[in-house]
Amino acid sequence: MESKIEIMKNLLSGLLEEVEELDNQAKKNGYIPRELCDTCDRKIRNELILHNIEQNSIENFKNWIKEYNIIKIYKNEYSSTQIYSLKSIIKNSKFNKNENAFIYNIYTSGFSKEILKVRGLKSIFDKYNIITCPDFVNEKFDMFIYSEKPAYHTDSIINTIFIGCEKCIQNKKNIRCDSIYKDGFLYKHSCDFKNLLLKRKIKNMGLSYETGEKPPDRIQTSPNTFQIMSYSHENEYYFRDLDIYLNFSNFTWELDTIEHLKPSLLIIIGDETQLPRYLDYETNILFYNENGFFYYDKNKEVDKNINNICEAIIQNLNNEIEKQRGNDHDRVISALNLTGSQLGYVTQLEYSGAGIRLDSVWFDREGKIQVASEVETTGTYKKDLISTWEVEPSLAIIVGFSNTDKVAENLIKLTFMKYIPHHVLYINKITDNAFLFEKQNILKKYKLTKEEEKNKKEIKNI
């Protein structure tokens, strides 16, 4: 297992930092490295090589744009047919004026005859999707003619003529899809840098892998037209030789995949707070996020001895509270969970289920709740006893803030305490006293250890 973990650490180290750097670069400069675009199969754009007849048609098209001072050509998006309109900076008496330019439909009678028949440009408008860039100036422009295969449409290829300035033409050539565009002074994009970089690193390391695939769907787009839609689970990777399953997402289908694959190691890109949802699958898990790696060993022993748990809490609680930030409630819960982790448990903050909410629970390696905790700042400890009872733990921890230990005395007299099947540890953070109950009996009284007392014991032991 150590060798598998090391391979995955080498694969993932620096990935998120590189993704962040590329993301910032794309947003600021609208630039994505060409070598990264070449590895993407979302949309592939390839420059078309034209034969002589087509080259003549394109030259005729260019001349027509210059002659009519065309500054924009666009498709009517609300029409099911290829109906184009154009905007010109000169007035033609046959057509209507619109603001500072003149808009014409290329299929109106006079214009249609001029453009489509006399000029012979019908094939251009029929064969190509025509786009002009926002910075297009009639006096100085160029064309980039390419084909592209839209994402998921396995049987569809679109031929496009892009008319624009030198900068926009170059961007089209460098970036092989339309996933990035300018918005104000910045750029927006939908590039999946994580998967692109990961695939490149996998290739460089010589690892073999599989991505999940789903059978294609046949979608009817019109009475006589169908499109084949194919999908792949891009966020999932299975290294079959290593029996490692890596997942970027949190979709429900991945849990079914984990259950049946039963990988020896599961890689999750995310926070280790997600760990409880994976406990039922009895697999080792390596979490990776911006803070580094966190490894969950399914075979690690968990100390379920009630006395040992209580002793660890008594020894650590005050010292760990001092290291935490936030209010008293949050600091206590964080400190308790740190002790739980040290004892081998999987801790979860703000657990909810079956109509209850608990501040914290500790799971064992089989996914059963062994410890449930509530920090009470208002004095309603009876409600906390009932809430913790609902999850059937081996130990309930109730932390209060009272000037006296009256609550401990009241618990002895509380009738329903004799029916509680688990142990209860009541901790008073004001007096620093703690009491371990079994039903209505106090088994042991503790005094929370402070840092200076702990140091004295360590010196004495030396």
Foldseek 3Di string as FASTA:
>chain_A
DVVVVVVVQVLCPCLVVVVVVQQVCCFQPVDDFLVLLVLDPQKFKDFDDDDDVVVVLVVLVLVVCLVQQWQWKAADPVDPDRWIKTWHQDDDVVFDDDPRITIDTCPPDPNVCVVCPVSVNPCVSVQAHEGEDPAAGSVAKDWTWIKMDHGQQPPDIHIYIYIYHPVVNVSCVRRGDDQWDDDPNTIGGDDPSSLSSSVVSCVVVVADKDWAWDAWDWADPDPPDTTTGTDIQSQWIARPVQQEIEGADDDPVVLVVCQVSLGQEYEYADDCLCVLVCLQSQHWYWYQYPVGIDTQDLPDDADLDPVVLVVLCLAFQQVQLVVDDDDPQVSNLVSSVVSRVVRRWRKHAFDDDPHATFGMFTAHSNSQTAETEHEDEPPPVVVVVVRRLVSPHQEYEYEYEDQDPVVLVVQLVDVCLQVRQHWYWYAHPNQQKIFIDRRNDTPDIDHRDDPVNVVVVVVVVD
